[in-house]
C-alpha atoms as a PDB file:
ATOM      1  CA  UNK A   1    -154.981-184.953 -29.274  1.00  0.00           C
ATOM      2  CA  UNK A   2    -151.674-183.991 -26.761  1.00  0.00           C
ATOM      3  CA  UNK A   3    -149.887-180.655 -26.255  1.00  0.00           C
ATOM      4  CA  UNK A   4    -147.590-180.295 -27.842  1.00  0.00           C
ATOM      5  CA  UNK A   5    -144.433-177.752 -26.902  1.00  0.00           C
ATOM      6  CA  UNK A   6    -140.892-177.009 -27.533  1.00  0.00           C
ATOM      7  CA  UNK A   7    -138.568-173.663 -27.523  1.00  0.00           C
ATOM      8  CA  UNK A   8    -137.668-172.087 -30.627  1.00  0.00           C
ATOM      9  CA  UNK A   9    -134.456-170.931 -29.610  1.00  0.00           C
ATOM     10  CA  UNK A  10    -133.278-173.757 -28.131  1.00  0.00           C
ATOM     11  CA  UNK A  11    -130.094-174.777 -29.968  1.00  0.00           C
ATOM     12  CA  UNK A  12    -128.216-178.273 -30.351  1.00  0.00           C
ATOM     13  CA  UNK A  13    -125.600-178.588 -27.772  1.00  0.00           C
ATOM     14  CA  UNK A  14    -123.026-179.535 -31.147  1.00  0.00           C
ATOM     15  CA  UNK A  15    -124.462-177.552 -34.003  1.00  0.00           C
ATOM     16  CA  UNK A  16    -123.896-179.472 -37.312  1.00  0.00           C
ATOM     17  CA  UNK A  17    -122.295-177.894 -39.944  1.00  0.00           C
ATOM     18  CA  UNK A  18    -125.199-177.649 -42.110  1.00  0.00           C
ATOM     19  CA  UNK A  19    -128.979-176.051 -41.266  1.00  0.00           C
ATOM     20  CA  UNK A  20    -131.413-177.716 -39.404  1.00  0.00           C
ATOM     21  CA  UNK A  21    -134.884-177.982 -40.780  1.00  0.00           C
ATOM     22  CA  UNK A  22    -137.592-179.168 -38.143  1.00  0.00           C
ATOM     23  CA  UNK A  23    -140.928-179.164 -39.199  1.00  0.00           C
ATOM     24  CA  UNK A  24    -143.268-178.093 -36.212  1.00  0.00           C
ATOM     25  CA  UNK A  25    -146.682-178.123 -37.137  1.00  0.00           C
ATOM     26  CA  UNK A  26    -148.661-179.318 -40.435  1.00  0.00           C
ATOM     27  CA  UNK A  27    -151.847-179.838 -41.325  1.00  0.00           C
ATOM     28  CA  UNK A  28    -154.176-179.733 -44.948  1.00  0.00           C
ATOM     29  CA  UNK A  29    -153.150-176.385 -45.666  1.00  0.00           C
ATOM     30  CA  UNK A  30    -149.668-174.972 -44.091  1.00  0.00           C
ATOM     31  CA  UNK A  31    -146.835-175.934 -42.659  1.00  0.00           C
ATOM     32  CA  UNK A  32    -144.534-174.231 -40.156  1.00  0.00           C
ATOM     33  CA  UNK A  33    -140.895-175.024 -39.689  1.00  0.00           C
ATOM     34  CA  UNK A  34    -137.599-173.935 -37.427  1.00  0.00           C
ATOM     35  CA  UNK A  35    -134.573-173.771 -39.787  1.00  0.00           C
ATOM     36  CA  UNK A  36    -131.248-172.749 -37.748  1.00  0.00           C
ATOM     37  CA  UNK A  37    -128.917-171.253 -39.893  1.00  0.00           C
ATOM     38  CA  UNK A  38    -124.847-170.910 -39.098  1.00  0.00           C
ATOM     39  CA  UNK A  39    -123.249-169.029 -41.838  1.00  0.00           C
ATOM     40  CA  UNK A  40    -124.975-171.179 -44.847  1.00  0.00           C
ATOM     41  CA  UNK A  41    -125.646-169.622 -48.091  1.00  0.00           C
ATOM     42  CA  UNK A  42    -127.674-170.649 -51.429  1.00  0.00           C
ATOM     43  CA  UNK A  43    -124.602-172.121 -53.841  1.00  0.00           C
ATOM     44  CA  UNK A  44    -124.158-169.828 -56.861  1.00  0.00           C
ATOM     45  CA  UNK A  45    -126.617-169.643 -59.525  1.00  0.00           C
ATOM     46  CA  UNK A  46    -129.041-171.115 -57.366  1.00  0.00           C
ATOM     47  CA  UNK A  47    -132.569-169.646 -56.798  1.00  0.00           C
ATOM     48  CA  UNK A  48    -135.867-171.212 -54.595  1.00  0.00           C
ATOM     49  CA  UNK A  49    -139.105-171.184 -56.567  1.00  0.00           C
ATOM     50  CA  UNK A  50    -141.589-172.731 -54.446  1.00  0.00           C
ATOM     51  CA  UNK A  51    -145.090-173.976 -55.247  1.00  0.00           C
ATOM     52  CA  UNK A  52    -146.128-172.299 -51.829  1.00  0.00           C
ATOM     53  CA  UNK A  53    -146.137-168.925 -50.282  1.00  0.00           C
ATOM     54  CA  UNK A  54    -144.200-168.353 -47.356  1.00  0.00           C
ATOM     55  CA  UNK A  55    -144.113-165.970 -44.515  1.00  0.00           C
ATOM     56  CA  UNK A  56    -140.489-165.868 -42.897  1.00  0.00           C
ATOM     57  CA  UNK A  57    -139.529-164.507 -39.914  1.00  0.00           C
ATOM     58  CA  UNK A  58    -135.967-163.985 -38.324  1.00  0.00           C
ATOM     59  CA  UNK A  59    -135.800-164.990 -34.899  1.00  0.00           C
ATOM     60  CA  UNK A  60    -132.325-164.410 -34.314  1.00  0.00           C
ATOM     61  CA  UNK A  61    -129.077-163.691 -36.061  1.00  0.00           C
ATOM     62  CA  UNK A  62    -129.057-161.637 -39.537  1.00  0.00           C
ATOM     63  CA  UNK A  63    -129.595-162.906 -42.648  1.00  0.00           C
ATOM     64  CA  UNK A  64    -129.319-161.454 -46.491  1.00  0.00           C
ATOM     65  CA  UNK A  65    -131.804-161.907 -48.888  1.00  0.00           C
ATOM     66  CA  UNK A  66    -131.287-161.460 -53.033  1.00  0.00           C
ATOM     67  CA  UNK A  67    -134.478-161.664 -55.383  1.00  0.00           C
ATOM     68  CA  UNK A  68    -134.533-162.113 -58.928  1.00  0.00           C
ATOM     69  CA  UNK A  69    -134.969-158.796 -59.971  1.00  0.00           C
ATOM     70  CA  UNK A  70    -131.959-157.737 -58.230  1.00  0.00           C
ATOM     71  CA  UNK A  71    -132.981-156.727 -55.322  1.00  0.00           C
ATOM     72  CA  UNK A  72    -131.772-157.071 -52.016  1.00  0.00           C
ATOM     73  CA  UNK A  73    -133.136-157.517 -47.943  1.00  0.00           C
ATOM     74  CA  UNK A  74    -131.139-157.577 -45.277  1.00  0.00           C
ATOM     75  CA  UNK A  75    -133.237-158.956 -42.287  1.00  0.00           C
ATOM     76  CA  UNK A  76    -132.316-158.873 -38.244  1.00  0.00           C
ATOM     77  CA  UNK A  77    -133.821-160.276 -35.295  1.00  0.00           C
ATOM     78  CA  UNK A  78    -137.448-159.536 -35.432  1.00  0.00           C
ATOM     79  CA  UNK A  79    -137.982-159.047 -38.737  1.00  0.00           C
ATOM     80  CA  UNK A  80    -139.920-160.842 -41.361  1.00  0.00           C
ATOM     81  CA  UNK A  81    -140.809-161.330 -45.073  1.00  0.00           C
ATOM     82  CA  UNK A  82    -144.008-162.624 -46.884  1.00  0.00           C
ATOM     83  CA  UNK A  83    -142.692-164.286 -50.488  1.00  0.00           C
ATOM     84  CA  UNK A  84    -145.213-165.544 -52.779  1.00  0.00           C
ATOM     85  CA  UNK A  85    -145.277-168.160 -54.264  1.00  0.00           C
ATOM     86  CA  UNK A  86    -142.753-168.768 -57.659  1.00  0.00           C
ATOM     87  CA  UNK A  87    -141.257-165.207 -56.301  1.00  0.00           C
ATOM     88  CA  UNK A  88    -137.364-166.823 -57.126  1.00  0.00           C
ATOM     89  CA  UNK A  89    -135.558-165.978 -54.320  1.00  0.00           C
ATOM     90  CA  UNK A  90    -131.505-166.744 -52.701  1.00  0.00           C
ATOM     91  CA  UNK A  91    -130.415-166.426 -49.433  1.00  0.00           C
ATOM     92  CA  UNK A  92    -126.813-164.836 -49.815  1.00  0.00           C
ATOM     93  CA  UNK A  93    -125.637-165.077 -46.028  1.00  0.00           C
ATOM     94  CA  UNK A  94    -126.375-165.855 -42.415  1.00  0.00           C
ATOM     95  CA  UNK A  95    -124.833-165.241 -39.424  1.00  0.00           C
ATOM     96  CA  UNK A  96    -122.582-167.518 -37.886  1.00  0.00           C
ATOM     97  CA  UNK A  97    -123.019-166.169 -34.359  1.00  0.00           C
ATOM     98  CA  UNK A  98    -125.017-165.415 -33.314  1.00  0.00           C
ATOM     99  CA  UNK A  99    -126.784-168.528 -35.543  1.00  0.00           C
ATOM    100  CA  UNK A 100    -129.957-167.349 -37.554  1.00  0.00           C
ATOM    101  CA  UNK A 101    -132.915-168.758 -36.073  1.00  0.00           C
ATOM    102  CA  UNK A 102    -136.282-168.848 -38.857  1.00  0.00           C
ATOM    103  CA  UNK A 103    -139.174-169.284 -38.116  1.00  0.00           C
ATOM    104  CA  UNK A 104    -141.577-170.441 -41.770  1.00  0.00           C
ATOM    105  CA  UNK A 105    -145.041-170.450 -42.876  1.00  0.00           C
ATOM    106  CA  UNK A 106    -145.834-172.463 -46.028  1.00  0.00           C
ATOM    107  CA  UNK A 107    -148.833-172.428 -47.584  1.00  0.00           C
ATOM    108  CA  UNK A 108    -151.117-172.609 -50.606  1.00  0.00           C
ATOM    109  CA  UNK A 109    -150.614-169.936 -52.708  1.00  0.00           C
ATOM    110  CA  UNK A 110    -153.071-167.153 -52.796  1.00  0.00           C
ATOM    111  CA  UNK A 111    -154.158-164.461 -55.800  1.00  0.00           C
ATOM    112  CA  UNK A 112    -154.217-161.639 -53.481  1.00  0.00           C
ATOM    113  CA  UNK A 113    -152.995-162.275 -49.920  1.00  0.00           C
ATOM    114  CA  UNK A 114    -154.079-159.902 -47.068  1.00  0.00           C
ATOM    115  CA  UNK A 115    -151.869-158.577 -44.316  1.00  0.00           C
ATOM    116  CA  UNK A 116    -153.892-157.861 -41.322  1.00  0.00           C
END
C-alpha cells in the first residue's frame, strides 16, 4: 500500500457551478468525502434520508441545515454534526464566498453512537 496525500483546503482553479463530491477513502465499514459547495442548496421539498450514519464537519464557510422536525442549525468553520441514519435533513444554504468545504464520514448505522 502506498502513502496517499492531499490538501482539503485546495480548490480547483475554475470552480464548476455544481458541488464537488470527492471520495477520499473507502473501507468496508466507512467512507470519507470532501464536498465543496459554492452557494448550492437542496431543491425545495427535497430531504436527504440516508441509509448510513453521517458525521460532517464544515472546515470553511457557512451553511444552514434544516430538519424535518422544523429545527435548523447554522454551521460555521470548525462546526460539526452527527446525523444518524434516516434523520431527514436538507441543506438550506451554503456560502459562495468563501466556498464551503465539508469533510463527511459515512458509516453503518449504530443503534447508540457514543461520543468520545
